Amino acid sequence: MSDLNRAAPRIVACPNGPLLVRGELDLVTPEGDPIERKRRTIALCRCGVSSIKPFCDGTHKAIGFTTTE
């Protein structure tokens, strides 16, 4: 798909939860290696405790992770 046809990404910070990423976006490691996306909308971990980082596994609920407004 050409860059002109890609949907602009949108990132939503969920209160006390992950970052939801919607739209076309390339994810890469700090070294620049691609991270495979299997869905159009993904949840990225913000609590730092997920066992499937960079993706959210719901652990934020178990540890009581909170965010500010």
PDB file of N, CA and C in Angstrom:
ATOM      1  N   MET A   1       0.852  -1.173   0.000  1.00  0.00           N
ATOM      2  CA  MET A   1       0.000   0.000   0.000  1.00  0.00           C
ATOM      3  C   MET A   1       0.898   1.236   0.000  1.00  0.00           C
ATOM      4  N   SER A   2       0.616   2.195  -0.845  1.00  0.00           N
ATOM      5  CA  SER A   2       1.442   3.398  -0.895  1.00  0.00           C
ATOM      6  C   SER A   2       1.185   4.253   0.335  1.00  0.00           C
ATOM      7  N   ASP A   3       2.166   5.087   0.682  1.00  0.00           N
ATOM      8  CA  ASP A   3       2.032   5.945   1.854  1.00  0.00           C
ATOM      9  C   ASP A   3       0.849   6.898   1.733  1.00  0.00           C
ATOM     10  N   LEU A   4       0.469   7.271   0.499  1.00  0.00           N
ATOM     11  CA  LEU A   4      -0.648   8.200   0.317  1.00  0.00           C
ATOM     12  C   LEU A   4      -1.985   7.543   0.642  1.00  0.00           C
ATOM     13  N   ASN A   5      -2.066   6.210   0.555  1.00  0.00           N
ATOM     14  CA  ASN A   5      -3.314   5.497   0.814  1.00  0.00           C
ATOM     15  C   ASN A   5      -3.439   4.995   2.245  1.00  0.00           C
ATOM     16  N   ARG A   6      -2.436   5.220   3.064  1.00  0.00           N
ATOM     17  CA  ARG A   6      -2.462   4.736   4.441  1.00  0.00           C
ATOM     18  C   ARG A   6      -3.331   5.630   5.313  1.00  0.00           C
ATOM     19  N   ALA A   7      -4.133   5.016   6.174  1.00  0.00           N
ATOM     20  CA  ALA A   7      -4.959   5.773   7.116  1.00  0.00           C
ATOM     21  C   ALA A   7      -4.045   6.397   8.167  1.00  0.00           C
ATOM     22  N   ALA A   8      -4.286   7.652   8.476  1.00  0.00           N
ATOM     23  CA  ALA A   8      -3.483   8.342   9.488  1.00  0.00           C
ATOM     24  C   ALA A   8      -3.676   7.659  10.841  1.00  0.00           C
ATOM     25  N   PRO A   9      -2.594   7.408  11.575  1.00  0.00           N
ATOM     26  CA  PRO A   9      -2.739   6.760  12.870  1.00  0.00           C
ATOM     27  C   PRO A   9      -3.364   7.694  13.900  1.00  0.00           C
ATOM     28  N   ARG A  10      -4.063   7.084  14.843  1.00  0.00           N
ATOM     29  CA  ARG A  10      -4.651   7.829  15.956  1.00  0.00           C
ATOM     30  C   ARG A  10      -4.294   7.071  17.227  1.00  0.00           C
ATOM     31  N   ILE A  11      -3.787   7.794  18.209  1.00  0.00           N
ATOM     32  CA  ILE A  11      -3.391   7.179  19.475  1.00  0.00           C
ATOM     33  C   ILE A  11      -4.253   7.753  20.584  1.00  0.00           C
ATOM     34  N   VAL A  12      -4.893   6.878  21.353  1.00  0.00           N
ATOM     35  CA  VAL A  12      -5.763   7.278  22.450  1.00  0.00           C
ATOM     36  C   VAL A  12      -5.204   6.693  23.742  1.00  0.00           C
ATOM     37  N   ALA A  13      -4.966   7.545  24.727  1.00  0.00           N
ATOM     38  CA  ALA A  13      -4.501   7.089  26.037  1.00  0.00           C
ATOM     39  C   ALA A  13      -5.713   6.727  26.883  1.00  0.00           C
ATOM     40  N   CYS A  14      -5.876   5.453  27.180  1.00  0.00           N
ATOM     41  CA  CYS A  14      -7.008   4.996  28.004  1.00  0.00           C
ATOM     42  C   CYS A  14      -6.714   5.319  29.469  1.00  0.00           C
ATOM     43  N   PRO A  15      -7.690   5.883  30.173  1.00  0.00           N
ATOM     44  CA  PRO A  15      -7.473   6.158  31.595  1.00  0.00           C
ATOM     45  C   PRO A  15      -7.103   4.865  32.334  1.00  0.00           C
ATOM     46  N   ASN A  16      -6.013   4.911  33.068  1.00  0.00           N
ATOM     47  CA  ASN A  16      -5.536   3.769  33.865  1.00  0.00           C
ATOM     48  C   ASN A  16      -5.289   2.517  33.026  1.00  0.00           C
ATOM     49  N   GLY A  17      -4.982   2.711  31.760  1.00  0.00           N
ATOM     50  CA  GLY A  17      -4.772   1.560  30.879  1.00  0.00           C
ATOM     51  C   GLY A  17      -3.795   1.838  29.760  1.00  0.00           C
ATOM     52  N   PRO A  18      -3.911   1.081  28.682  1.00  0.00           N
ATOM     53  CA  PRO A  18      -2.936   1.141  27.597  1.00  0.00           C
ATOM     54  C   PRO A  18      -3.136   2.323  26.650  1.00  0.00           C
ATOM     55  N   LEU A  19      -2.236   2.420  25.702  1.00  0.00           N
ATOM     56  CA  LEU A  19      -2.381   3.332  24.576  1.00  0.00           C
ATOM     57  C   LEU A  19      -3.004   2.530  23.444  1.00  0.00           C
ATOM     58  N   LEU A  20      -4.146   2.974  22.947  1.00  0.00           N
ATOM     59  CA  LEU A  20      -4.770   2.319  21.805  1.00  0.00           C
ATOM     60  C   LEU A  20      -4.291   2.996  20.542  1.00  0.00           C
ATOM     61  N   VAL A  21      -3.772   2.222  19.622  1.00  0.00           N
ATOM     62  CA  VAL A  21      -3.251   2.735  18.362  1.00  0.00           C
ATOM     63  C   VAL A  21      -4.139   2.206  17.252  1.00  0.00           C
ATOM     64  N   ARG A  22      -4.741   3.126  16.512  1.00  0.00           N
ATOM     65  CA  ARG A  22      -5.604   2.764  15.383  1.00  0.00           C
ATOM     66  C   ARG A  22      -5.020   3.341  14.109  1.00  0.00           C
ATOM     67  N   GLY A  23      -5.221   2.638  13.008  1.00  0.00           N
ATOM     68  CA  GLY A  23      -4.729   3.120  11.723  1.00  0.00           C
ATOM     69  C   GLY A  23      -3.408   2.488  11.349  1.00  0.00           C
ATOM     70  N   GLU A  24      -2.896   2.918  10.231  1.00  0.00           N
ATOM     71  CA  GLU A  24      -1.660   2.356   9.688  1.00  0.00           C
ATOM     72  C   GLU A  24      -0.452   3.001  10.342  1.00  0.00           C
ATOM     73  N   LEU A  25       0.410   2.160  10.878  1.00  0.00           N
ATOM     74  CA  LEU A  25       1.586   2.636  11.597  1.00  0.00           C
ATOM     75  C   LEU A  25       2.597   1.499  11.650  1.00  0.00           C
ATOM     76  N   ASP A  26       3.848   1.794  11.388  1.00  0.00           N
ATOM     77  CA  ASP A  26       4.889   0.781  11.495  1.00  0.00           C
ATOM     78  C   ASP A  26       5.459   0.822  12.904  1.00  0.00           C
ATOM     79  N   LEU A  27       5.485  -0.334  13.575  1.00  0.00           N
ATOM     80  CA  LEU A  27       6.107  -0.451  14.884  1.00  0.00           C
ATOM     81  C   LEU A  27       7.490  -1.036  14.709  1.00  0.00           C
ATOM     82  N   VAL A  28       8.465  -0.461  15.417  1.00  0.00           N
ATOM     83  CA  VAL A  28       9.838  -0.955  15.346  1.00  0.00           C
ATOM     84  C   VAL A  28      10.440  -1.001  16.741  1.00  0.00           C
ATOM     85  N   THR A  29      11.430  -1.868  16.910  1.00  0.00           N
ATOM     86  CA  THR A  29      12.177  -1.953  18.158  1.00  0.00           C
ATOM     87  C   THR A  29      13.127  -0.748  18.242  1.00  0.00           C
ATOM     88  N   PRO A  30      13.750  -0.531  19.408  1.00  0.00           N
ATOM     89  CA  PRO A  30      14.748   0.554  19.491  1.00  0.00           C
ATOM     90  C   PRO A  30      15.881   0.391  18.473  1.00  0.00           C
ATOM     91  N   GLU A  31      16.126  -0.846  18.036  1.00  0.00           N
ATOM     92  CA  GLU A  31      17.179  -1.099  17.045  1.00  0.00           C
ATOM     93  C   GLU A  31      16.684  -0.903  15.623  1.00  0.00           C
ATOM     94  N   GLY A  32      15.377  -0.647  15.455  1.00  0.00           N
ATOM     95  CA  GLY A  32      14.819  -0.422  14.126  1.00  0.00           C
ATOM     96  C   GLY A  32      14.227  -1.652  13.460  1.00  0.00           C
ATOM     97  N   ASP A  33      14.219  -2.780  14.168  1.00  0.00           N
ATOM     98  CA  ASP A  33      13.639  -4.006  13.619  1.00  0.00           C
ATOM     99  C   ASP A  33      12.115  -3.923  13.683  1.00  0.00           C
ATOM    100  N   PRO A  34      11.416  -4.396  12.648  1.00  0.00           N
ATOM    101  CA  PRO A  34       9.959  -4.319  12.644  1.00  0.00           C
ATOM    102  C   PRO A  34       9.323  -5.231  13.690  1.00  0.00           C
ATOM    103  N   ILE A  35       8.214  -4.759  14.265  1.00  0.00           N
ATOM    104  CA  ILE A  35       7.394  -5.551  15.183  1.00  0.00           C
ATOM    105  C   ILE A  35       6.103  -5.851  14.443  1.00  0.00           C
ATOM    106  N   GLU A  36       5.787  -7.132  14.310  1.00  0.00           N
ATOM    107  CA  GLU A  36       4.611  -7.538  13.555  1.00  0.00           C
ATOM    108  C   GLU A  36       3.321  -7.124  14.252  1.00  0.00           C
ATOM    109  N   ARG A  37       2.403  -6.570  13.449  1.00  0.00           N
ATOM    110  CA  ARG A  37       1.051  -6.239  13.921  1.00  0.00           C
ATOM    111  C   ARG A  37       0.095  -7.237  13.310  1.00  0.00           C
ATOM    112  N   LYS A  38      -0.781  -7.784  14.147  1.00  0.00           N
ATOM    113  CA  LYS A  38      -1.762  -8.740  13.632  1.00  0.00           C
ATOM    114  C   LYS A  38      -3.157  -8.138  13.570  1.00  0.00           C
ATOM    115  N   ARG A  39      -3.306  -6.938  14.126  1.00  0.00           N
ATOM    116  CA  ARG A  39      -4.611  -6.277  14.130  1.00  0.00           C
ATOM    117  C   ARG A  39      -4.447  -4.834  13.682  1.00  0.00           C
ATOM    118  N   ARG A  40      -5.544  -4.260  13.224  1.00  0.00           N
ATOM    119  CA  ARG A  40      -5.534  -2.856  12.818  1.00  0.00           C
ATOM    120  C   ARG A  40      -5.500  -1.928  14.030  1.00  0.00           C
ATOM    121  N   THR A  41      -6.153  -2.335  15.124  1.00  0.00           N
ATOM    122  CA  THR A  41      -6.103  -1.595  16.389  1.00  0.00           C
ATOM    123  C   THR A  41      -5.314  -2.426  17.379  1.00  0.00           C
ATOM    124  N   ILE A  42      -4.321  -1.794  18.019  1.00  0.00           N
ATOM    125  CA  ILE A  42      -3.504  -2.503  18.998  1.00  0.00           C
ATOM    126  C   ILE A  42      -3.465  -1.710  20.295  1.00  0.00           C
ATOM    127  N   ALA A  43      -3.195  -2.404  21.394  1.00  0.00           N
ATOM    128  CA  ALA A  43      -3.059  -1.775  22.708  1.00  0.00           C
ATOM    129  C   ALA A  43      -1.603  -1.912  23.136  1.00  0.00           C
ATOM    130  N   LEU A  44      -0.971  -0.775  23.405  1.00  0.00           N
ATOM    131  CA  LEU A  44       0.423  -0.765  23.847  1.00  0.00           C
ATOM    132  C   LEU A  44       0.489  -0.553  25.350  1.00  0.00           C
ATOM    133  N   CYS A  45       1.354  -1.299  26.013  1.00  0.00           N
ATOM    134  CA  CYS A  45       1.513  -1.241  27.462  1.00  0.00           C
ATOM    135  C   CYS A  45       2.044   0.116  27.912  1.00  0.00           C
ATOM    136  N   ARG A  46       1.432   0.653  28.994  1.00  0.00           N
ATOM    137  CA  ARG A  46       1.956   1.862  29.635  1.00  0.00           C
ATOM    138  C   ARG A  46       2.431   1.591  31.047  1.00  0.00           C
ATOM    139  N   CYS A  47       1.999   0.463  31.644  1.00  0.00           N
ATOM    140  CA  CYS A  47       2.356   0.199  33.035  1.00  0.00           C
ATOM    141  C   CYS A  47       3.758  -0.383  33.165  1.00  0.00           C
ATOM    142  N   GLY A  48       4.275  -0.969  32.087  1.00  0.00           N
ATOM    143  CA  GLY A  48       5.616  -1.541  32.106  1.00  0.00           C
ATOM    144  C   GLY A  48       5.696  -2.959  32.637  1.00  0.00           C
ATOM    145  N   VAL A  49       4.555  -3.589  32.928  1.00  0.00           N
ATOM    146  CA  VAL A  49       4.575  -4.909  33.539  1.00  0.00           C
ATOM    147  C   VAL A  49       4.043  -6.006  32.611  1.00  0.00           C
ATOM    148  N   SER A  50       3.544  -5.670  31.455  1.00  0.00           N
ATOM    149  CA  SER A  50       2.994  -6.656  30.524  1.00  0.00           C
ATOM    150  C   SER A  50       4.030  -7.729  30.186  1.00  0.00           C
ATOM    151  N   SER A  51       3.569  -8.964  30.075  1.00  0.00           N
ATOM    152  CA  SER A  51       4.475 -10.052  29.699  1.00  0.00           C
ATOM    153  C   SER A  51       4.606 -10.184  28.183  1.00  0.00           C
ATOM    154  N   ILE A  52       3.865  -9.375  27.428  1.00  0.00           N
ATOM    155  CA  ILE A  52       3.940  -9.426  25.963  1.00  0.00           C
ATOM    156  C   ILE A  52       4.284  -8.047  25.386  1.00  0.00           C
ATOM    157  N   LYS A  53       5.130  -7.290  26.117  1.00  0.00           N
ATOM    158  CA  LYS A  53       5.517  -5.957  25.663  1.00  0.00           C
ATOM    159  C   LYS A  53       6.026  -5.992  24.233  1.00  0.00           C
ATOM    160  N   PRO A  54       5.732  -5.019  23.446  1.00  0.00           N
ATOM    161  CA  PRO A  54       5.171  -3.714  23.786  1.00  0.00           C
ATOM    162  C   PRO A  54       3.653  -3.714  23.908  1.00  0.00           C
ATOM    163  N   PHE A  55       3.025  -4.889  23.729  1.00  0.00           N
ATOM    164  CA  PHE A  55       1.573  -4.946  23.751  1.00  0.00           C
ATOM    165  C   PHE A  55       1.042  -5.111  25.170  1.00  0.00           C
ATOM    166  N   CYS A  56      -0.177  -4.673  25.387  1.00  0.00           N
ATOM    167  CA  CYS A  56      -0.836  -4.768  26.685  1.00  0.00           C
ATOM    168  C   CYS A  56      -1.418  -6.168  26.868  1.00  0.00           C
ATOM    169  N   ASP A  57      -1.258  -6.729  28.072  1.00  0.00           N
ATOM    170  CA  ASP A  57      -1.874  -8.019  28.390  1.00  0.00           C
ATOM    171  C   ASP A  57      -2.896  -7.903  29.524  1.00  0.00           C
ATOM    172  N   GLY A  58      -3.213  -6.672  29.937  1.00  0.00           N
ATOM    173  CA  GLY A  58      -4.209  -6.455  30.980  1.00  0.00           C
ATOM    174  C   GLY A  58      -3.647  -6.437  32.389  1.00  0.00           C
ATOM    175  N   THR A  59      -2.347  -6.626  32.551  1.00  0.00           N
ATOM    176  CA  THR A  59      -1.732  -6.654  33.874  1.00  0.00           C
ATOM    177  C   THR A  59      -1.947  -5.358  34.644  1.00  0.00           C
ATOM    178  N   HIS A  60      -2.136  -4.242  33.934  1.00  0.00           N
ATOM    179  CA  HIS A  60      -2.331  -2.958  34.609  1.00  0.00           C
ATOM    180  C   HIS A  60      -3.486  -3.014  35.599  1.00  0.00           C
ATOM    181  N   LYS A  61      -4.515  -3.819  35.301  1.00  0.00           N
ATOM    182  CA  LYS A  61      -5.650  -3.965  36.222  1.00  0.00           C
ATOM    183  C   LYS A  61      -5.230  -4.660  37.500  1.00  0.00           C
ATOM    184  N   ALA A  62      -4.449  -5.722  37.375  1.00  0.00           N
ATOM    185  CA  ALA A  62      -4.027  -6.516  38.533  1.00  0.00           C
ATOM    186  C   ALA A  62      -3.105  -5.747  39.469  1.00  0.00           C
ATOM    187  N   ILE A  63      -2.285  -4.841  38.919  1.00  0.00           N
ATOM    188  CA  ILE A  63      -1.344  -4.105  39.759  1.00  0.00           C
ATOM    189  C   ILE A  63      -1.882  -2.757  40.209  1.00  0.00           C
ATOM    190  N   GLY A  64      -3.086  -2.390  39.754  1.00  0.00           N
ATOM    191  CA  GLY A  64      -3.672  -1.114  40.158  1.00  0.00           C
ATOM    192  C   GLY A  64      -3.018   0.097  39.505  1.00  0.00           C
ATOM    193  N   PHE A  65      -2.538  -0.059  38.283  1.00  0.00           N
ATOM    194  CA  PHE A  65      -1.897   1.041  37.558  1.00  0.00           C
ATOM    195  C   PHE A  65      -2.888   2.197  37.392  1.00  0.00           C
ATOM    196  N   THR A  66      -2.437   3.408  37.699  1.00  0.00           N
ATOM    197  CA  THR A  66      -3.283   4.588  37.516  1.00  0.00           C
ATOM    198  C   THR A  66      -2.523   5.666  36.764  1.00  0.00           C
ATOM    199  N   THR A  67      -3.273   6.495  36.085  1.00  0.00           N
ATOM    200  CA  THR A  67      -2.720   7.631  35.357  1.00  0.00           C
ATOM    201  C   THR A  67      -3.370   8.897  35.874  1.00  0.00           C
ATOM    202  N   THR A  68      -2.795  10.022  35.527  1.00  0.00           N
ATOM    203  CA  THR A  68      -3.396  11.308  35.879  1.00  0.00           C
ATOM    204  C   THR A  68      -4.094  11.877  34.661  1.00  0.00           C
ATOM    205  N   GLU A  69      -4.949  12.852  34.885  1.00  0.00           N
ATOM    206  CA  GLU A  69      -5.694  13.486  33.787  1.00  0.00           C
ATOM    207  C   GLU A  69      -4.747  14.150  32.819  1.00  0.00           C
TER     208      GLU A  69
END
